Protein backbone atom coordinates (compact mmCIF):
# COMPACT_ATOMS: atom_id res chain seq x y z
CA MET A 1 0.11 -0.08 0.03
CA TRP A 2 1.64 3.31 -0.98
CA PHE A 3 0.60 6.25 0.57
CA LYS A 4 -0.24 9.08 -0.99
CA ASN A 5 0.20 12.19 0.58
CA LEU A 6 2.65 12.97 3.82
CA THR A 7 2.21 14.68 7.04
CA ILE A 8 4.86 13.99 9.40
CA PHE A 9 6.07 14.74 12.84
CA ARG A 10 8.84 14.11 15.26
CA LEU A 11 8.33 12.17 17.66
CA THR A 12 10.66 13.98 20.42
CA GLU A 13 10.98 11.12 22.81
CA THR A 14 11.65 7.13 22.31
CA PHE A 15 9.14 5.49 21.32
CA THR A 16 9.48 1.79 22.76
CA LEU A 17 6.78 -0.20 22.87
CA THR A 18 6.50 -3.27 20.30
CA PRO A 19 4.21 -4.45 18.17
CA GLY A 20 3.03 -6.78 20.56
CA GLU A 21 2.74 -3.46 23.22
CA LEU A 22 0.83 -1.39 20.61
CA GLU A 23 -1.03 -3.72 19.44
CA GLN A 24 -2.41 -4.00 22.68
CA LYS A 25 -2.86 -0.73 23.68
CA LEU A 26 -4.87 0.08 20.13
CA GLN A 27 -7.32 -2.81 21.17
CA THR A 28 -8.65 -0.29 23.86
CA LEU A 29 -10.33 1.97 20.88
CA GLN A 30 -10.86 -0.81 18.08
CA PHE A 31 -13.45 0.89 15.83
CA ARG A 32 -16.94 -0.23 15.53
CA SER A 33 -19.82 0.42 13.89
CA CYS A 34 -21.97 3.99 14.74
CA GLY A 35 -24.37 3.02 17.02
CA PRO A 36 -28.48 4.39 15.70
CA HIS A 37 -28.60 7.36 17.71
CA GLU A 38 -24.44 7.99 17.29
CA GLU A 39 -23.18 10.42 14.50
CA PHE A 40 -19.75 9.51 14.24
CA SER A 41 -17.40 6.21 15.39
CA PHE A 42 -14.03 6.29 15.44
CA GLY A 43 -11.31 2.88 15.40
CA TRP A 44 -9.17 1.00 14.98
CA THR A 45 -9.00 -1.17 12.19
CA GLN A 46 -7.09 -4.22 10.33
CA PRO A 47 -4.80 -2.13 8.24
CA VAL A 48 -4.31 -5.46 5.90
CA GLY A 49 -8.06 -5.51 5.73
CA LYS A 50 -9.20 -8.62 6.12
CA SER A 51 -6.88 -10.99 5.19
CA SER A 52 -5.66 -9.84 8.65
CA ASP A 53 -6.90 -9.53 12.59
CA GLN A 54 -3.93 -7.51 13.65
CA LEU A 55 -4.22 -4.31 14.39
CA VAL A 56 -0.81 -3.32 13.87
CA HIS A 57 1.16 -4.77 11.21
CA ALA A 58 5.53 -4.53 11.51
CA ALA A 59 8.24 -4.91 9.61
CA ASN A 60 11.52 -3.79 9.31
CA GLY A 61 11.17 -2.23 12.28
CA PHE A 62 7.92 0.10 11.32
CA MET A 63 5.06 -0.28 12.70
CA MET A 64 1.82 0.40 10.31
CA LEU A 65 -2.08 1.61 11.72
CA CYS A 66 -4.84 2.31 10.46
CA GLY A 67 -7.55 4.63 12.03
CA LYS A 68 -11.28 4.26 10.77
CA LYS A 69 -14.05 6.98 11.37
CA GLU A 70 -17.31 5.55 9.80
CA GLU A 71 -19.76 9.47 10.11
CA LYS A 72 -23.34 9.35 8.94
CA VAL A 73 -24.93 11.28 6.34
CA LEU A 74 -28.18 13.79 6.93
CA PRO A 75 -28.46 15.96 3.74
CA THR A 76 -28.55 19.37 5.17
CA ALA A 77 -31.43 20.42 2.39
CA VAL A 78 -33.45 17.32 3.77
CA VAL A 79 -33.19 18.51 7.49
CA ASN A 80 -34.25 22.41 6.71
CA GLU A 81 -37.49 21.31 4.69
CA MET A 82 -39.04 18.70 6.95
CA LEU A 83 -37.88 21.18 10.58
CA GLN A 84 -39.84 24.30 8.24
CA GLU A 85 -42.81 21.52 7.55
CA LYS A 86 -42.78 20.42 11.60
CA ILE A 87 -42.14 24.14 12.83
CA GLY A 88 -45.15 25.61 10.31
CA GLU A 89 -47.64 23.01 11.26
CA ILE A 90 -47.16 23.86 15.31
CA GLU A 91 -47.14 27.47 14.56
CA ASP A 92 -50.72 27.24 12.29
CA ARG A 93 -52.30 24.29 15.39
CA GLU A 94 -51.24 27.21 18.21
CA ALA A 95 -51.26 30.78 16.67
CA ARG A 96 -48.33 31.59 17.72
CA LYS A 97 -44.37 32.15 16.57
CA LEU A 98 -42.07 29.49 18.38
CA SER A 99 -38.67 31.00 20.19
CA LYS A 100 -35.45 29.96 18.62
CA LYS A 101 -34.83 27.85 21.63
CA GLU A 102 -38.01 25.69 20.28
CA ARG A 103 -36.89 26.03 17.37
CA THR A 104 -33.21 24.26 17.98
CA THR A 105 -35.28 21.41 20.19
CA LEU A 106 -37.12 20.70 17.19
CA LYS A 107 -34.17 20.42 14.95
CA ASP A 108 -31.82 18.76 17.71
CA GLU A 109 -34.94 15.55 18.27
CA LEU A 110 -35.94 15.47 14.76
CA ILE A 111 -32.09 15.19 13.88
CA PHE A 112 -32.31 11.96 16.90
CA GLU A 113 -35.48 10.46 14.92
CA LEU A 114 -33.50 10.39 11.48
CA LEU A 115 -30.21 8.95 13.25
CA PRO A 116 -30.95 5.61 12.70
CA LYS A 117 -31.94 5.51 8.87
CA ALA A 118 -29.35 8.23 7.99
CA PHE A 119 -26.90 6.67 5.05
CA ARG A 120 -23.44 5.58 6.58
CA PHE A 121 -19.73 6.60 4.99
CA SER A 122 -16.70 5.73 5.66
CA ARG A 123 -12.75 6.25 5.30
CA LYS A 124 -9.52 5.29 6.93
CA THR A 125 -6.78 7.44 7.81
CA TYR A 126 -2.89 4.97 8.01
CA ALA A 127 0.13 6.05 9.56
CA TYR A 128 3.31 4.72 10.66
CA ILE A 129 5.67 4.45 13.22
CA ASP A 130 9.63 4.81 12.35
CA PRO A 131 11.38 3.95 16.05
CA LYS A 132 14.67 4.68 14.81
CA GLY A 133 14.22 8.07 12.08
CA GLY A 134 11.85 9.07 15.61
CA TRP A 135 9.44 9.84 13.32
CA LEU A 136 5.16 9.41 12.88
CA LEU A 137 4.11 9.84 9.78
CA ILE A 138 0.59 10.37 8.51
CA ASP A 139 -1.30 9.45 4.93
CA SER A 140 -3.35 12.94 5.32
CA ALA A 141 -3.45 15.65 3.64
CA SER A 142 -5.86 17.63 5.46
CA ALA A 143 -3.37 18.95 8.80
CA LYS A 144 -7.15 18.29 10.91
CA SER A 145 -7.14 14.81 10.19
CA ALA A 146 -3.98 13.75 10.94
CA GLU A 147 -4.26 15.59 14.07
CA ASP A 148 -7.06 13.85 14.83
CA LEU A 149 -5.38 10.59 14.18
CA LEU A 150 -2.52 11.67 16.42
CA SER A 151 -5.61 12.80 19.30
CA SER A 152 -6.91 9.14 18.82
CA LEU A 153 -2.98 7.89 19.19
CA ARG A 154 -2.38 9.76 22.10
CA LYS A 155 -5.38 8.77 24.27
CA CYS A 156 -4.18 5.61 23.68
CA LEU A 157 -1.37 5.70 24.55
CA GLY A 158 -1.69 7.51 27.36
CA SER A 159 0.60 10.26 25.68
CA LEU A 160 2.67 10.82 22.41
CA PRO A 161 5.27 13.42 22.95
CA ALA A 162 5.52 14.38 18.88
CA ILE A 163 5.39 18.08 17.17
CA PRO A 164 4.97 18.54 13.51
CA LEU A 165 8.51 18.51 11.60
CA ASN A 166 10.20 22.05 11.66
CA THR A 167 13.19 23.18 9.90
CA ILE A 168 16.22 26.52 10.36
CA ASP A 169 15.27 27.62 7.33
CA LYS A 170 11.11 28.74 5.93
CA PRO A 171 10.35 25.83 2.85
CA SER A 172 8.67 29.11 1.45
CA VAL A 173 12.30 30.71 1.12
CA ASN A 174 13.94 28.56 -0.03
CA MET A 175 11.38 27.12 -2.71
CA THR A 176 10.69 30.83 -4.00
CA GLN A 177 15.21 30.63 -4.17
CA TRP A 178 14.82 27.87 -6.51
CA LEU A 179 12.34 29.87 -8.40
CA LEU A 180 14.67 32.98 -9.04
CA THR A 181 17.60 31.29 -9.09
CA GLN A 182 16.71 28.24 -11.36
CA GLU A 183 18.82 25.64 -9.47
CA ALA A 184 17.54 23.34 -6.88
CA PRO A 185 19.94 20.94 -4.55
CA GLU A 186 21.45 18.69 -6.74
CA ASP A 187 18.89 15.42 -6.35
CA LEU A 188 15.55 17.84 -7.03
CA THR A 189 14.44 18.22 -9.99
CA VAL A 190 11.76 21.06 -10.12
CA GLU A 191 8.59 20.38 -11.86
CA ASP A 192 5.82 21.87 -13.63
CA GLU A 193 3.26 23.30 -10.16
CA CYS A 194 3.21 25.87 -7.86
CA GLU A 195 1.37 28.89 -5.91
CA LEU A 196 1.99 31.51 -5.10
CA ARG A 197 1.13 34.34 -2.97
CA ALA A 198 1.49 37.72 -2.35
CA LEU A 199 3.50 38.48 1.26
CA GLU A 200 0.53 40.71 2.38
CA GLU A 201 -2.29 39.47 4.91
CA GLU A 202 -4.93 39.70 1.59
CA GLY A 203 -2.58 39.46 -0.71
CA GLY A 204 -3.66 37.27 -4.14
CA ILE A 205 -2.71 33.51 -5.03
CA ILE A 206 -0.93 32.11 -8.11
CA ARG A 207 -1.79 29.01 -9.11
CA CYS A 208 -0.03 27.52 -11.89
CA LYS A 209 -0.23 23.46 -13.31
CA LYS A 210 1.39 22.70 -16.98
CA HIS A 211 3.19 25.36 -16.55
CA ASP A 212 7.12 26.28 -16.84
CA LEU A 213 8.05 27.41 -14.15
CA SER A 214 11.13 29.62 -15.70
CA ALA A 215 9.55 31.58 -17.55
CA PRO A 216 9.83 35.58 -17.25
CA GLU A 217 5.99 35.90 -16.01
CA ILE A 218 6.89 33.42 -13.04
CA LYS A 219 9.70 34.99 -12.17
CA ASN A 220 8.14 38.68 -12.85
CA HIS A 221 5.72 37.52 -10.06
CA LEU A 222 8.51 36.91 -7.12
CA ASP A 223 10.43 40.42 -7.93
CA THR A 224 6.69 41.72 -7.58
CA GLY A 225 7.35 39.83 -3.77
CA LYS A 226 5.28 37.04 -4.50
CA GLN A 227 6.76 33.71 -2.64
CA ALA A 228 6.48 30.21 -3.52
CA ILE A 229 4.06 28.01 -0.93
CA LYS A 230 3.54 25.13 -2.48
CA LEU A 231 6.45 23.41 -5.22
CA ALA A 232 5.82 19.89 -7.25
CA VAL A 233 9.12 18.31 -6.86
CA ASN A 234 11.05 15.10 -8.07
CA TRP A 235 13.84 13.69 -5.52
CA ALA A 236 16.06 11.55 -7.63
CA GLY A 237 13.43 9.95 -10.02
CA ARG A 238 12.32 7.94 -6.88
CA ILE A 239 8.82 10.43 -5.61
CA ALA A 240 7.44 12.92 -7.09
CA PHE A 241 5.18 15.36 -4.81
CA VAL A 242 3.76 18.66 -4.44
CA LEU A 243 5.62 20.09 -1.30
CA ASP A 244 4.16 22.53 0.94
CA GLU A 245 4.96 25.55 2.90
CA HIS A 246 3.97 23.68 6.06
CA LEU A 247 7.02 21.08 4.94
CA ALA A 248 3.61 18.27 3.82
CA LEU A 249 3.76 15.94 0.98
CA LYS A 250 0.90 15.88 -0.94
CA ARG A 251 -0.01 14.36 -3.72
CA LEU A 252 2.84 11.14 -3.54
CA ARG A 253 3.38 8.49 -6.18
CA PHE A 254 6.40 7.01 -6.00
CA LEU A 255 8.13 6.65 -10.06
CA ASP A 256 8.65 3.83 -12.09
CA MET A 257 12.08 3.23 -10.35
CA VAL A 258 10.25 2.48 -7.10
CA GLN A 259 7.19 0.39 -8.74
CA GLU A 260 9.67 -2.18 -10.91
CA GLN A 261 11.57 -2.94 -7.43
CA ALA A 262 8.24 -3.83 -6.10
CA ALA A 263 7.14 -5.52 -8.98
CA ASP A 264 9.66 -7.63 -8.91
CA ILE A 265 9.37 -9.23 -5.66
CA ASP A 266 6.80 -12.35 -6.12
CA THR A 267 4.00 -12.39 -3.45
CA GLY A 268 1.19 -15.21 -3.17
CA SER A 269 -1.39 -13.20 -1.32
CA ALA A 270 -2.69 -9.69 -1.12
CA ALA A 271 -1.01 -9.67 2.34
CA GLU A 272 2.30 -10.55 1.22
CA ARG A 273 1.93 -7.68 -1.35
CA PHE A 274 0.90 -5.73 1.31
CA ASP A 275 4.05 -6.36 3.11
CA ALA A 276 5.87 -6.03 0.18
CA ASP A 277 4.37 -2.25 -0.70
CA PHE A 278 5.29 -1.04 3.11
CA THR A 279 8.82 -2.47 3.13
CA ILE A 280 9.87 -0.36 -0.18
CA MET A 281 8.08 2.30 0.89
CA THR A 282 9.14 2.59 4.43
CA GLY A 283 12.84 2.42 2.60
CA GLU A 284 11.92 4.75 0.44
CA LEU A 285 10.60 7.54 3.15
CA ALA A 286 13.81 6.46 5.68
CA GLU A 287 15.66 8.01 2.85
CA LEU A 288 14.08 10.92 1.25
CA LEU A 289 13.47 12.93 5.00
CA PRO A 290 16.78 13.04 5.55
CA ARG A 291 17.42 14.90 2.19
CA LEU A 292 13.56 17.04 2.73
CA ILE A 293 15.73 18.38 6.23
CA ALA A 294 18.73 19.67 4.46
CA TRP A 295 17.28 20.98 1.78
CA PHE A 296 15.53 23.19 4.69
CA GLY A 297 18.69 23.96 6.54
CA GLY A 298 18.84 21.36 8.81
CA GLU A 299 15.66 20.42 11.41
CA ASN A 300 14.90 22.61 14.74
CA ARG A 301 13.68 21.00 17.23
CA ALA A 302 13.52 24.26 19.74
């Protein structure tokens, strides 16, 4: 299984739990489906899928886990329409206008009544712990979703000292410089997508896709003070991604060189395929992270 995004947390203390110990702690919040009147539920599920009953998949010292959130869907338009009908019936019957508090109570009662019949959908968020490197890596493009998963993990473990990755150099400053000088670190290739933002609080934003970033119009925007806050890059022909100003990696792609390496491994089952892909992916990211930090002047742990 290949991550499509990467939100990076630095573990500020050594992670000492074994896979078996982590498994036991995650079992205290194992996923279960929503109850009749619950709007959502969250818990840990098997990363490998139904072929395994383990909540932790361990390989080469890395530990994969998977959070699953199920939510019920009540279309706002439907709820509002039914609510207005009920309000109208009561006001006609009692010949008076309902107060704001009465309307709110009526809406709560309506939602409570509809929840058992609501549609459900679920989504999984994968993450893995790298105890040796001191990382928690979450496959999420949303900072909030990543923080939610981290919060749930802390709830199970009691505590988990972790902070977002921070570097000495400001990412937007270095990315802007790469565009201005057309010189990036030697193992990094700037591709054809960027997002530029003016420094003013309400400054404009320019988004470019499939565009020559060495073109004069890009330089003109940079010369007027705009900074690169997102930039598509390719690391050593192995991994491509869009890097943002918070050091999150979006639209992560493991390129042919890596995919061919994975394809060369013979596997006899979905579980073996998962394990092989996980082993290769974690190995690649373990090499990428030190380079990512180096591009921005080193890690700032202050």
